[in-house]
Amino acid sequence: MRPILVLLSVPALCIALVAAARNAQDLPDTPSRPEAVPPVQGMVFVPAGSFLMGSTGDDVRKWADVDEFPQRSVFVDDFYIDVHEVTNAQYKVFLDSTDVEAPPRWVDRRYGIGEDGFPVVSITWEEARQYAAFVGKRLPTEEEWEKAARGTDARVYPWGNNFSRDLANNSDHPMTIMNFPGGVSPYGCYDMAGNVAEWVGGPYQAYPRGPDDVIPAGVPDRKEMFQTDRRIYRGGSWNTFWKYLRCANRESTPQGKRWVYVGFRCAMDPPWRDATTSP
């Protein structure tokens, strides 16, 4: 029988705990939050607060796409998010309990031998959403995903501002989860850059712009690319160029598409959040 739990290695667990402790030292005041934030297995807590989301005009001139513009301050409420991407072993439990279609490369609804700890891929946005609901979670909003990836200092990558292949899987094949402890995000999330890209909730839409948010000269606006039947995936993958691994990068596709480089991770509201304000 295949194992269905993916355990953190000792070094990986230490990194996640240190990150959680560091973030707990300066939590913003949320009246309904308990004094001691309860831990959730396999997830990290991201406290409420604002962060800088998106890319600046200078970024657009250098490497960013226009759909990342403008950069702006966004408030995100308390939430939990998975430490790592959903694995084949985890997804198999869901598949065995439902009639959802298996990923195309699985045989007889089984993944390959030795692939327990690989991120599940080639699933549609709706299948990812159904899995999240099955385990009592949901897909992260785009805002939640980016905050969990880059923190509050507007860094380019989860680990900082300079790209390194030593900190993310940007090779020619996917890997098992959590192979790059040096590349964890400020909140302790693994593989938010590279390995596989990740579905997020919500349709693909333009960011709001104010009167001073002017696209750099010579950059096409490309308003036609925003279509509500498209969904967003984030984080880049093993088979994309370095610029697509940036925290602010956005990619979209019809929600029924399956890609061998797109998986997902889940998020969850804490019990003290008002359900009417949840995404």
C-alpha atoms as a PDB file:
ATOM      1  CA  MET A   1       0.000   0.000   0.000  1.00  0.00           C
ATOM      2  CA  ARG A   2       1.385   3.383  -0.956  1.00  0.00           C
ATOM      3  CA  PRO A   3       2.073   5.901   1.815  1.00  0.00           C
ATOM      4  CA  ILE A   4      -0.342   8.825   1.755  1.00  0.00           C
ATOM      5  CA  LEU A   5       1.515  11.194   4.067  1.00  0.00           C
ATOM      6  CA  VAL A   6       4.512  13.274   3.080  1.00  0.00           C
ATOM      7  CA  LEU A   7       6.635  14.001   6.152  1.00  0.00           C
ATOM      8  CA  LEU A   8       8.960  16.963   6.528  1.00  0.00           C
ATOM      9  CA  SER A   9      12.631  16.104   6.856  1.00  0.00           C
ATOM     10  CA  VAL A  10      14.329  17.386  10.021  1.00  0.00           C
ATOM     11  CA  PRO A  11      16.119  20.279   8.232  1.00  0.00           C
ATOM     12  CA  ALA A  12      12.960  21.197   6.347  1.00  0.00           C
ATOM     13  CA  LEU A  13      10.860  21.122   9.516  1.00  0.00           C
ATOM     14  CA  CYS A  14      13.387  23.314  11.321  1.00  0.00           C
ATOM     15  CA  ILE A  15      13.284  25.912   8.532  1.00  0.00           C
ATOM     16  CA  ALA A  16       9.484  25.968   8.524  1.00  0.00           C
ATOM     17  CA  LEU A  17       9.329  26.317  12.325  1.00  0.00           C
ATOM     18  CA  VAL A  18      11.922  29.088  12.378  1.00  0.00           C
ATOM     19  CA  ALA A  19      10.019  31.006   9.699  1.00  0.00           C
ATOM     20  CA  ALA A  20       6.742  30.572  11.595  1.00  0.00           C
ATOM     21  CA  ALA A  21       8.319  31.741  14.846  1.00  0.00           C
ATOM     22  CA  ARG A  22       9.851  34.775  13.161  1.00  0.00           C
ATOM     23  CA  ASN A  23       6.518  35.779  11.659  1.00  0.00           C
ATOM     24  CA  ALA A  24       4.670  35.263  14.951  1.00  0.00           C
ATOM     25  CA  GLN A  25       6.841  37.871  16.678  1.00  0.00           C
ATOM     26  CA  ASP A  26       5.208  40.826  14.948  1.00  0.00           C
ATOM     27  CA  LEU A  27       1.634  39.880  14.064  1.00  0.00           C
ATOM     28  CA  PRO A  28      -0.678  42.785  13.262  1.00  0.00           C
ATOM     29  CA  ASP A  29      -3.488  43.353  15.735  1.00  0.00           C
ATOM     30  CA  THR A  30      -6.536  41.331  14.687  1.00  0.00           C
ATOM     31  CA  PRO A  31      -9.167  41.500  17.457  1.00  0.00           C
ATOM     32  CA  SER A  32     -10.689  38.075  16.765  1.00  0.00           C
ATOM     33  CA  ARG A  33      -7.384  36.193  16.444  1.00  0.00           C
ATOM     34  CA  PRO A  34      -6.458  34.042  19.465  1.00  0.00           C
ATOM     35  CA  GLU A  35      -3.337  35.026  21.345  1.00  0.00           C
ATOM     36  CA  ALA A  36      -1.685  31.742  20.391  1.00  0.00           C
ATOM     37  CA  VAL A  37      -2.202  31.002  16.697  1.00  0.00           C
ATOM     38  CA  PRO A  38      -3.028  27.278  16.403  1.00  0.00           C
ATOM     39  CA  PRO A  39      -0.719  25.283  14.118  1.00  0.00           C
ATOM     40  CA  VAL A  40      -2.200  23.340  11.201  1.00  0.00           C
ATOM     41  CA  GLN A  41      -0.292  20.281  10.022  1.00  0.00           C
ATOM     42  CA  GLY A  42       1.380  20.786   6.667  1.00  0.00           C
ATOM     43  CA  MET A  43       0.468  24.477   6.485  1.00  0.00           C
ATOM     44  CA  VAL A  44       1.997  27.813   7.483  1.00  0.00           C
ATOM     45  CA  PHE A  45       0.163  30.799   8.887  1.00  0.00           C
ATOM     46  CA  VAL A  46       0.311  34.135   7.063  1.00  0.00           C
ATOM     47  CA  PRO A  47      -0.852  37.038   9.260  1.00  0.00           C
ATOM     48  CA  ALA A  48      -3.145  39.790   8.092  1.00  0.00           C
ATOM     49  CA  GLY A  49      -1.537  42.879   6.678  1.00  0.00           C
ATOM     50  CA  SER A  50      -0.627  44.750   3.522  1.00  0.00           C
ATOM     51  CA  PHE A  51       2.075  43.912   1.017  1.00  0.00           C
ATOM     52  CA  LEU A  52       3.256  45.232  -2.333  1.00  0.00           C
ATOM     53  CA  MET A  53       1.674  43.206  -5.139  1.00  0.00           C
ATOM     54  CA  GLY A  54       2.528  43.341  -8.822  1.00  0.00           C
ATOM     55  CA  SER A  55       5.328  45.044 -10.741  1.00  0.00           C
ATOM     56  CA  THR A  56       6.434  48.632 -11.280  1.00  0.00           C
ATOM     57  CA  GLY A  57       6.789  50.472 -14.563  1.00  0.00           C
ATOM     58  CA  ASP A  58      10.556  49.929 -14.395  1.00  0.00           C
ATOM     59  CA  ASP A  59       9.942  46.201 -13.957  1.00  0.00           C
ATOM     60  CA  VAL A  60       7.742  46.197 -17.063  1.00  0.00           C
ATOM     61  CA  ARG A  61      10.506  47.869 -19.037  1.00  0.00           C
ATOM     62  CA  LYS A  62      13.009  45.243 -17.875  1.00  0.00           C
ATOM     63  CA  TRP A  63      11.273  41.851 -17.564  1.00  0.00           C
ATOM     64  CA  ALA A  64       7.670  41.984 -16.334  1.00  0.00           C
ATOM     65  CA  ASP A  65       4.540  41.653 -18.455  1.00  0.00           C
ATOM     66  CA  VAL A  66       1.962  44.422 -18.524  1.00  0.00           C
ATOM     67  CA  ASP A  67      -0.600  42.256 -16.702  1.00  0.00           C
ATOM     68  CA  GLU A  68       1.549  42.607 -13.543  1.00  0.00           C
ATOM     69  CA  PHE A  69       1.240  46.410 -13.613  1.00  0.00           C
ATOM     70  CA  PRO A  70       0.792  48.463 -11.506  1.00  0.00           C
ATOM     71  CA  GLN A  71       2.474  47.577  -8.251  1.00  0.00           C
ATOM     72  CA  ARG A  72       0.207  48.527  -5.371  1.00  0.00           C
ATOM     73  CA  SER A  73      -0.376  47.941  -1.692  1.00  0.00           C
ATOM     74  CA  VAL A  74      -2.926  45.173  -1.059  1.00  0.00           C
ATOM     75  CA  PHE A  75      -4.396  44.103   2.270  1.00  0.00           C
ATOM     76  CA  VAL A  76      -4.795  40.359   2.847  1.00  0.00           C
ATOM     77  CA  ASP A  77      -6.552  38.889   5.873  1.00  0.00           C
ATOM     78  CA  ASP A  78      -5.199  36.011   8.000  1.00  0.00           C
ATOM     79  CA  PHE A  79      -4.901  32.692   6.163  1.00  0.00           C
ATOM     80  CA  TYR A  80      -3.076  29.379   6.139  1.00  0.00           C
ATOM     81  CA  ILE A  81      -1.346  27.962   3.062  1.00  0.00           C
ATOM     82  CA  ASP A  82       0.251  24.588   2.327  1.00  0.00           C
ATOM     83  CA  VAL A  83       3.965  24.248   2.971  1.00  0.00           C
ATOM     84  CA  HIS A  84       4.354  22.402  -0.326  1.00  0.00           C
ATOM     85  CA  GLU A  85       2.465  21.535  -3.493  1.00  0.00           C
ATOM     86  CA  VAL A  86      -0.121  18.749  -3.421  1.00  0.00           C
ATOM     87  CA  THR A  87       1.624  15.455  -4.200  1.00  0.00           C
ATOM     88  CA  ASN A  88       0.583  12.430  -6.226  1.00  0.00           C
ATOM     89  CA  ALA A  89       0.122  10.445  -2.998  1.00  0.00           C
ATOM     90  CA  GLN A  90      -2.189  13.072  -1.533  1.00  0.00           C
ATOM     91  CA  TYR A  91      -4.191  13.416  -4.730  1.00  0.00           C
ATOM     92  CA  LYS A  92      -4.616   9.631  -5.005  1.00  0.00           C
ATOM     93  CA  VAL A  93      -6.642   9.596  -1.766  1.00  0.00           C
ATOM     94  CA  PHE A  94      -9.045  12.095  -3.328  1.00  0.00           C
ATOM     95  CA  LEU A  95      -9.178  10.170  -6.607  1.00  0.00           C
ATOM     96  CA  ASP A  96      -9.987   6.896  -4.853  1.00  0.00           C
ATOM     97  CA  SER A  97     -12.928   8.546  -3.130  1.00  0.00           C
ATOM     98  CA  THR A  98     -14.476  10.204  -6.182  1.00  0.00           C
ATOM     99  CA  ASP A  99     -15.176   9.638  -9.867  1.00  0.00           C
ATOM    100  CA  VAL A 100     -12.944  12.533 -10.934  1.00  0.00           C
ATOM    101  CA  GLU A 101     -10.877  11.794 -14.038  1.00  0.00           C
ATOM    102  CA  ALA A 102      -7.305  10.732 -13.309  1.00  0.00           C
ATOM    103  CA  PRO A 103      -4.362  12.688 -14.750  1.00  0.00           C
ATOM    104  CA  PRO A 104      -3.679  11.468 -18.321  1.00  0.00           C
ATOM    105  CA  ARG A 105      -0.297   9.902 -17.552  1.00  0.00           C
ATOM    106  CA  TRP A 106      -1.628   7.797 -14.691  1.00  0.00           C
ATOM    107  CA  VAL A 107      -2.346   4.164 -15.565  1.00  0.00           C
ATOM    108  CA  ASP A 108      -5.440   2.527 -14.065  1.00  0.00           C
ATOM    109  CA  ARG A 109      -5.791   5.602 -11.838  1.00  0.00           C
ATOM    110  CA  ARG A 110      -2.309   5.040 -10.425  1.00  0.00           C
ATOM    111  CA  TYR A 111       0.811   7.162 -10.679  1.00  0.00           C
ATOM    112  CA  GLY A 112       4.221   5.672 -11.418  1.00  0.00           C
ATOM    113  CA  ILE A 113       6.275   3.694  -8.938  1.00  0.00           C
ATOM    114  CA  GLY A 114       8.449   5.985  -6.833  1.00  0.00           C
ATOM    115  CA  GLU A 115       6.424   9.109  -7.708  1.00  0.00           C
ATOM    116  CA  ASP A 116       4.628   9.491  -4.363  1.00  0.00           C
ATOM    117  CA  GLY A 117       6.399  12.735  -3.481  1.00  0.00           C
ATOM    118  CA  PHE A 118       6.160  14.416  -6.888  1.00  0.00           C
ATOM    119  CA  PRO A 119       3.650  17.265  -7.299  1.00  0.00           C
ATOM    120  CA  VAL A 120       0.492  16.137  -9.035  1.00  0.00           C
ATOM    121  CA  VAL A 121       0.194  17.748 -12.494  1.00  0.00           C
ATOM    122  CA  SER A 122      -2.004  17.631 -15.592  1.00  0.00           C
ATOM    123  CA  ILE A 123      -5.145  18.418 -13.664  1.00  0.00           C
ATOM    124  CA  THR A 124      -7.680  21.087 -14.523  1.00  0.00           C
ATOM    125  CA  TRP A 125      -8.453  24.129 -12.415  1.00  0.00           C
ATOM    126  CA  GLU A 126     -11.828  22.639 -11.475  1.00  0.00           C
ATOM    127  CA  GLU A 127     -10.236  19.360 -10.366  1.00  0.00           C
ATOM    128  CA  ALA A 128      -7.805  21.310  -8.183  1.00  0.00           C
ATOM    129  CA  ARG A 129     -10.730  23.218  -6.692  1.00  0.00           C
ATOM    130  CA  GLN A 130     -12.603  19.971  -6.003  1.00  0.00           C
ATOM    131  CA  TYR A 131      -9.587  18.429  -4.296  1.00  0.00           C
ATOM    132  CA  ALA A 132      -9.211  21.482  -2.070  1.00  0.00           C
ATOM    133  CA  ALA A 133     -12.866  21.271  -1.038  1.00  0.00           C
ATOM    134  CA  PHE A 134     -12.484  17.524  -0.392  1.00  0.00           C
ATOM    135  CA  VAL A 135      -9.766  18.157   2.203  1.00  0.00           C
ATOM    136  CA  GLY A 136     -11.608  21.095   3.770  1.00  0.00           C
ATOM    137  CA  LYS A 137      -9.539  23.795   2.107  1.00  0.00           C
ATOM    138  CA  ARG A 138      -9.667  25.972  -1.016  1.00  0.00           C
ATOM    139  CA  LEU A 139      -7.395  27.364  -3.685  1.00  0.00           C
ATOM    140  CA  PRO A 140      -5.477  30.460  -2.551  1.00  0.00           C
ATOM    141  CA  THR A 141      -6.499  33.777  -3.997  1.00  0.00           C
ATOM    142  CA  GLU A 142      -3.955  35.390  -6.280  1.00  0.00           C
ATOM    143  CA  GLU A 143      -3.261  37.969  -3.570  1.00  0.00           C
ATOM    144  CA  GLU A 144      -2.715  35.308  -0.909  1.00  0.00           C
ATOM    145  CA  TRP A 145      -0.409  33.315  -3.144  1.00  0.00           C
ATOM    146  CA  GLU A 146       1.795  36.289  -3.966  1.00  0.00           C
ATOM    147  CA  LYS A 147       1.998  37.458  -0.364  1.00  0.00           C
ATOM    148  CA  ALA A 148       2.973  33.969   0.804  1.00  0.00           C
ATOM    149  CA  ALA A 149       5.637  33.865  -1.917  1.00  0.00           C
ATOM    150  CA  ARG A 150       7.264  37.281  -1.539  1.00  0.00           C
ATOM    151  CA  GLY A 151       6.406  38.570   1.926  1.00  0.00           C
ATOM    152  CA  THR A 152       6.096  42.296   2.546  1.00  0.00           C
ATOM    153  CA  ASP A 153       9.348  43.632   1.099  1.00  0.00           C
ATOM    154  CA  ALA A 154       8.434  43.308  -2.613  1.00  0.00           C
ATOM    155  CA  ARG A 155      11.271  40.870  -3.277  1.00  0.00           C
ATOM    156  CA  VAL A 156      11.551  39.471  -6.788  1.00  0.00           C
ATOM    157  CA  TYR A 157      11.882  35.795  -5.802  1.00  0.00           C
ATOM    158  CA  PRO A 158      10.811  33.961  -2.640  1.00  0.00           C
ATOM    159  CA  TRP A 159      14.419  34.056  -1.360  1.00  0.00           C
ATOM    160  CA  GLY A 160      15.419  37.554  -2.463  1.00  0.00           C
ATOM    161  CA  ASN A 161      16.141  39.620  -5.568  1.00  0.00           C
ATOM    162  CA  ASN A 162      18.726  37.552  -7.436  1.00  0.00           C
ATOM    163  CA  PHE A 163      17.946  34.400  -9.375  1.00  0.00           C
ATOM    164  CA  SER A 164      19.846  31.190  -8.644  1.00  0.00           C
ATOM    165  CA  ARG A 165      19.253  27.672  -9.923  1.00  0.00           C
ATOM    166  CA  ASP A 166      20.562  26.456  -6.581  1.00  0.00           C
ATOM    167  CA  LEU A 167      17.384  27.767  -4.957  1.00  0.00           C
ATOM    168  CA  ALA A 168      14.649  26.468  -7.271  1.00  0.00           C
ATOM    169  CA  ASN A 169      13.985  23.669  -9.734  1.00  0.00           C
ATOM    170  CA  ASN A 170      14.426  25.332 -13.085  1.00  0.00           C
ATOM    171  CA  SER A 171      15.934  22.387 -14.948  1.00  0.00           C
ATOM    172  CA  ASP A 172      14.521  19.982 -17.530  1.00  0.00           C
ATOM    173  CA  HIS A 173      12.269  17.796 -15.371  1.00  0.00           C
ATOM    174  CA  PRO A 174      10.068  17.967 -12.266  1.00  0.00           C
ATOM    175  CA  MET A 175      11.381  16.881  -8.878  1.00  0.00           C
ATOM    176  CA  THR A 176       9.938  15.688  -5.603  1.00  0.00           C
ATOM    177  CA  ILE A 177       8.768  18.421  -3.282  1.00  0.00           C
ATOM    178  CA  MET A 178      10.974  20.437  -0.929  1.00  0.00           C
ATOM    179  CA  ASN A 179      14.351  19.865  -2.556  1.00  0.00           C
ATOM    180  CA  PHE A 180      15.463  23.494  -2.186  1.00  0.00           C
ATOM    181  CA  PRO A 181      15.431  24.570   1.481  1.00  0.00           C
ATOM    182  CA  GLY A 182      17.415  27.696   0.618  1.00  0.00           C
ATOM    183  CA  GLY A 183      14.583  28.869  -1.613  1.00  0.00           C
ATOM    184  CA  VAL A 184      11.751  28.922   0.903  1.00  0.00           C
ATOM    185  CA  SER A 185       9.525  31.981   1.064  1.00  0.00           C
ATOM    186  CA  PRO A 186       9.528  34.412   4.019  1.00  0.00           C
ATOM    187  CA  TYR A 187       6.666  32.429   5.570  1.00  0.00           C
ATOM    188  CA  GLY A 188       8.261  29.010   5.084  1.00  0.00           C
ATOM    189  CA  CYS A 189       6.620  27.804   1.839  1.00  0.00           C
ATOM    190  CA  TYR A 190       8.633  25.555  -0.464  1.00  0.00           C
ATOM    191  CA  ASP A 191       8.787  25.564  -4.272  1.00  0.00           C
ATOM    192  CA  MET A 192       6.826  28.761  -4.851  1.00  0.00           C
ATOM    193  CA  ALA A 193       9.302  29.396  -7.646  1.00  0.00           C
ATOM    194  CA  GLY A 194       9.955  26.563 -10.066  1.00  0.00           C
ATOM    195  CA  ASN A 195       9.249  22.829  -9.976  1.00  0.00           C
ATOM    196  CA  VAL A 196       5.592  23.121 -11.031  1.00  0.00           C
ATOM    197  CA  ALA A 197       3.417  26.184 -11.495  1.00  0.00           C
ATOM    198  CA  GLU A 198       0.292  26.463  -9.328  1.00  0.00           C
ATOM    199  CA  TRP A 199      -3.369  27.162  -9.977  1.00  0.00           C
ATOM    200  CA  VAL A 200      -4.906  29.966  -7.905  1.00  0.00           C
ATOM    201  CA  GLY A 201      -8.529  30.960  -7.431  1.00  0.00           C
ATOM    202  CA  GLY A 202     -10.353  33.698  -9.310  1.00  0.00           C
ATOM    203  CA  PRO A 203     -10.555  34.679 -12.983  1.00  0.00           C
ATOM    204  CA  TYR A 204      -7.797  36.328 -14.977  1.00  0.00           C
ATOM    205  CA  GLN A 205      -8.406  40.077 -14.722  1.00  0.00           C
ATOM    206  CA  ALA A 206      -6.484  43.328 -15.044  1.00  0.00           C
ATOM    207  CA  TYR A 207      -5.182  44.959 -11.892  1.00  0.00           C
ATOM    208  CA  PRO A 208      -6.939  48.213 -10.937  1.00  0.00           C
ATOM    209  CA  ARG A 209      -5.171  51.345 -12.141  1.00  0.00           C
ATOM    210  CA  GLY A 210      -5.304  54.891 -10.881  1.00  0.00           C
ATOM    211  CA  PRO A 211      -4.807  58.064 -12.934  1.00  0.00           C
ATOM    212  CA  ASP A 212      -1.065  58.024 -12.209  1.00  0.00           C
ATOM    213  CA  ASP A 213      -0.604  54.384 -13.280  1.00  0.00           C
ATOM    214  CA  VAL A 214       0.654  54.938 -16.814  1.00  0.00           C
ATOM    215  CA  ILE A 215       2.096  52.050 -18.780  1.00  0.00           C
ATOM    216  CA  PRO A 216       5.653  52.772 -19.962  1.00  0.00           C
ATOM    217  CA  ALA A 217       5.919  54.218 -23.451  1.00  0.00           C
ATOM    218  CA  GLY A 218       6.181  51.622 -26.183  1.00  0.00           C
ATOM    219  CA  VAL A 219       4.623  48.811 -24.103  1.00  0.00           C
ATOM    220  CA  PRO A 220       1.325  47.536 -25.579  1.00  0.00           C
ATOM    221  CA  ASP A 221      -1.583  47.446 -23.130  1.00  0.00           C
ATOM    222  CA  ARG A 222      -2.921  44.098 -24.400  1.00  0.00           C
ATOM    223  CA  LYS A 223      -6.334  44.543 -22.812  1.00  0.00           C
ATOM    224  CA  GLU A 224      -7.700  41.805 -25.061  1.00  0.00           C
ATOM    225  CA  MET A 225      -5.849  39.127 -23.093  1.00  0.00           C
ATOM    226  CA  PHE A 226      -8.111  39.497 -20.049  1.00  0.00           C
ATOM    227  CA  GLN A 227     -10.885  36.973 -20.401  1.00  0.00           C
ATOM    228  CA  THR A 228     -13.076  35.731 -17.574  1.00  0.00           C
ATOM    229  CA  ASP A 229     -13.014  32.139 -18.845  1.00  0.00           C
ATOM    230  CA  ARG A 230      -9.267  31.962 -18.170  1.00  0.00           C
ATOM    231  CA  ARG A 231      -7.661  30.995 -14.877  1.00  0.00           C
ATOM    232  CA  ILE A 232      -4.310  31.967 -13.415  1.00  0.00           C
ATOM    233  CA  TYR A 233      -1.323  29.869 -12.484  1.00  0.00           C
ATOM    234  CA  ARG A 234       1.678  31.203 -10.613  1.00  0.00           C
ATOM    235  CA  GLY A 235       5.295  30.479  -9.748  1.00  0.00           C
ATOM    236  CA  GLY A 236       6.809  29.283 -13.000  1.00  0.00           C
ATOM    237  CA  SER A 237       8.013  25.712 -13.385  1.00  0.00           C
ATOM    238  CA  TRP A 238      10.893  23.438 -14.232  1.00  0.00           C
ATOM    239  CA  ASN A 239      10.603  24.191 -17.947  1.00  0.00           C
ATOM    240  CA  THR A 240      10.272  27.990 -18.023  1.00  0.00           C
ATOM    241  CA  PHE A 241      12.774  30.848 -18.205  1.00  0.00           C
ATOM    242  CA  TRP A 242      13.951  32.494 -14.989  1.00  0.00           C
ATOM    243  CA  LYS A 243      11.753  35.569 -15.395  1.00  0.00           C
ATOM    244  CA  TYR A 244       8.645  33.406 -15.103  1.00  0.00           C
ATOM    245  CA  LEU A 245       9.768  32.278 -11.631  1.00  0.00           C
ATOM    246  CA  ARG A 246       9.345  35.793 -10.235  1.00  0.00           C
ATOM    247  CA  CYS A 247       6.753  36.145  -7.458  1.00  0.00           C
ATOM    248  CA  ALA A 248       4.779  38.735  -9.437  1.00  0.00           C
ATOM    249  CA  ASN A 249       4.594  36.766 -12.693  1.00  0.00           C
ATOM    250  CA  ARG A 250       1.111  35.820 -13.918  1.00  0.00           C
ATOM    251  CA  GLU A 251       0.213  33.193 -16.493  1.00  0.00           C
ATOM    252  CA  SER A 252      -3.255  32.198 -17.647  1.00  0.00           C
ATOM    253  CA  THR A 253      -5.012  29.469 -19.589  1.00  0.00           C
ATOM    254  CA  PRO A 254      -8.566  28.178 -20.116  1.00  0.00           C
ATOM    255  CA  GLN A 255      -9.584  26.460 -16.907  1.00  0.00           C
ATOM    256  CA  GLY A 256     -10.232  23.116 -18.607  1.00  0.00           C
ATOM    257  CA  LYS A 257      -6.656  22.789 -19.856  1.00  0.00           C
ATOM    258  CA  ARG A 258      -4.181  20.253 -18.480  1.00  0.00           C
ATOM    259  CA  TRP A 259      -0.476  21.025 -18.438  1.00  0.00           C
ATOM    260  CA  VAL A 260       2.369  18.732 -17.401  1.00  0.00           C
ATOM    261  CA  TYR A 261       3.970  21.616 -15.521  1.00  0.00           C
ATOM    262  CA  VAL A 262       0.949  22.936 -13.576  1.00  0.00           C
ATOM    263  CA  GLY A 263      -0.091  21.670 -10.147  1.00  0.00           C
ATOM    264  CA  PHE A 264      -1.396  23.489  -7.068  1.00  0.00           C
ATOM    265  CA  ARG A 265      -1.324  23.967  -3.322  1.00  0.00           C
ATOM    266  CA  CYS A 266      -4.220  24.741  -0.987  1.00  0.00           C
ATOM    267  CA  ALA A 267      -5.118  27.537   1.402  1.00  0.00           C
ATOM    268  CA  MET A 268      -7.518  27.708   4.316  1.00  0.00           C
ATOM    269  CA  ASP A 269      -9.306  30.327   6.363  1.00  0.00           C
ATOM    270  CA  PRO A 270      -8.547  30.302  10.097  1.00  0.00           C
ATOM    271  CA  PRO A 271     -11.604  29.516  12.244  1.00  0.00           C
ATOM    272  CA  TRP A 272     -11.775  33.067  13.622  1.00  0.00           C
ATOM    273  CA  ARG A 273     -12.285  34.659  10.214  1.00  0.00           C
ATOM    274  CA  ASP A 274     -15.836  35.624   9.357  1.00  0.00           C
ATOM    275  CA  ALA A 275     -16.946  33.155   6.682  1.00  0.00           C
ATOM    276  CA  THR A 276     -18.791  35.922   4.841  1.00  0.00           C
ATOM    277  CA  THR A 277     -15.489  37.676   4.137  1.00  0.00           C
ATOM    278  CA  SER A 278     -13.647  34.592   2.883  1.00  0.00           C
ATOM    279  CA  PRO A 279     -12.650  34.389  -0.798  1.00  0.00           C
END
